[in-house]
Amino acid sequence: MYKSLLKPLFFKLEPEKAHHLALNLFRIALAIPGYGFFHDKKYVIDKPQFGKKVFGLTFKNQIGLAAGFDKNAEYIPLMARLGFGHIEVGTVTPLAQTGNDKPRLFRLPDDEALINRMGFNNDGVDAMVKNLSSKKTIRTKEKYKIIIGGNIGKNKNTPNEDAWKDYVICFERLFDHVDYFVVNVSSPNTPGLRELQEKGPLKKILNKLQEINQKNTLPKPILLKIAPDLFTEELHDIVEIVKETKLDGIIATNTTIDRNNLKTQKEKIELIGAGGLSGKPLAHKSNDVLWFLRRELGKDFPLIAVGGIANSKDVQEKINRGANLAQIYTGMVYEGQGVVKNILMHM
């Protein structure tokens, strides 16, 4: 139904409008008596054989929703019903910000890809805390056994030398409301953000967070999300920093600024302009980074793979390269609401 009816409809709309329309239609459908029961029977799989324990948390399956889809943690009651084992909310910043000017999200159907330059648009950390604290969200989390990750960033106007303060604010405000944290210093859509992947700034951020984390009786796992565009020397630096700061895992990878080997016409790509590319074309670069990290960090270090996942074959490739868990976003745009079930049933 999605590919034959809904997808053609959504793809006629501007991508951000289609995103909100899809979610609103889903919310309306779930309000129809009886629909939710049959929907869950069809799409939610809760079987012990799919379970996975990673960095001390038990995931009901290996497939999660990547950050960027639910920036304010307002759609957990909806997305949990698509079968995800975990949902990563954000990227959230201390203060609300509108992000970059529209249009800022673009489809590349020939490549099964997206380009976005959203720019951390979100309602701020206090709004996220409110959403995560709602009774409906808490009930959903318990009923569907969902692990929630909090992806944190800095406000656009915060100078890089003060960036650590933004990450600390988000960390402290979200600590009681998420199961793990992701430090996002790798989005290409906030000016200067990727400079925080350099040794000095990154160590400062991670050490500050770990200092706060270790004061808690039950520290939360802290992960780092990195770019796929790092050079080998930079990846070696990341490995060194991760070991020094005793991080709990890495998410590999964010979107890429690379535009090579695309099927979409070059003129269209140039017209779209700047932004991070996600979807199938990202798979190769993301897989290479994943494999590098597994070799350098050993067989037991937790890695979450994201980038170019649309089916069980893609997930298996990530696992073969060393992934413990996988996340999707663009793959769901092209494959529809049954993507998690299809992956699990064919792994």
Foldseek 3Di string as FASTA:
>chain_A
DCQVPVLVVLVVDQVVVSLVVVLVVLVVQCVPPPSLVVLLVPAADQDCVQWFAALRDIFSHQEEADEPSAAQLQCLLRLLSLHHREYEYHQAWAAADQFDDPPAWADDVQQLKIFGLRGRHDHHLVSSLVNLPDPSNVVSCVVSVYAYEYEYFYHLPDDLVCGLVGLVSNCVSCVVRHQAYEYEQAFPNRPPSVVCLDQPNVLVNLQVSVVVQVVDPHGHAYEYEHALPDDPVSLVSVLVSCVVSVHQEYEFYWFDQDDPPDPPDPVVVVVSPGGGMAAQVFLVSSLVSLLVCCVSVDQRRAYEYEGHDQALVSVVSSVVSRHSHYYYDSNCSNRHSNRVVRNVVVD
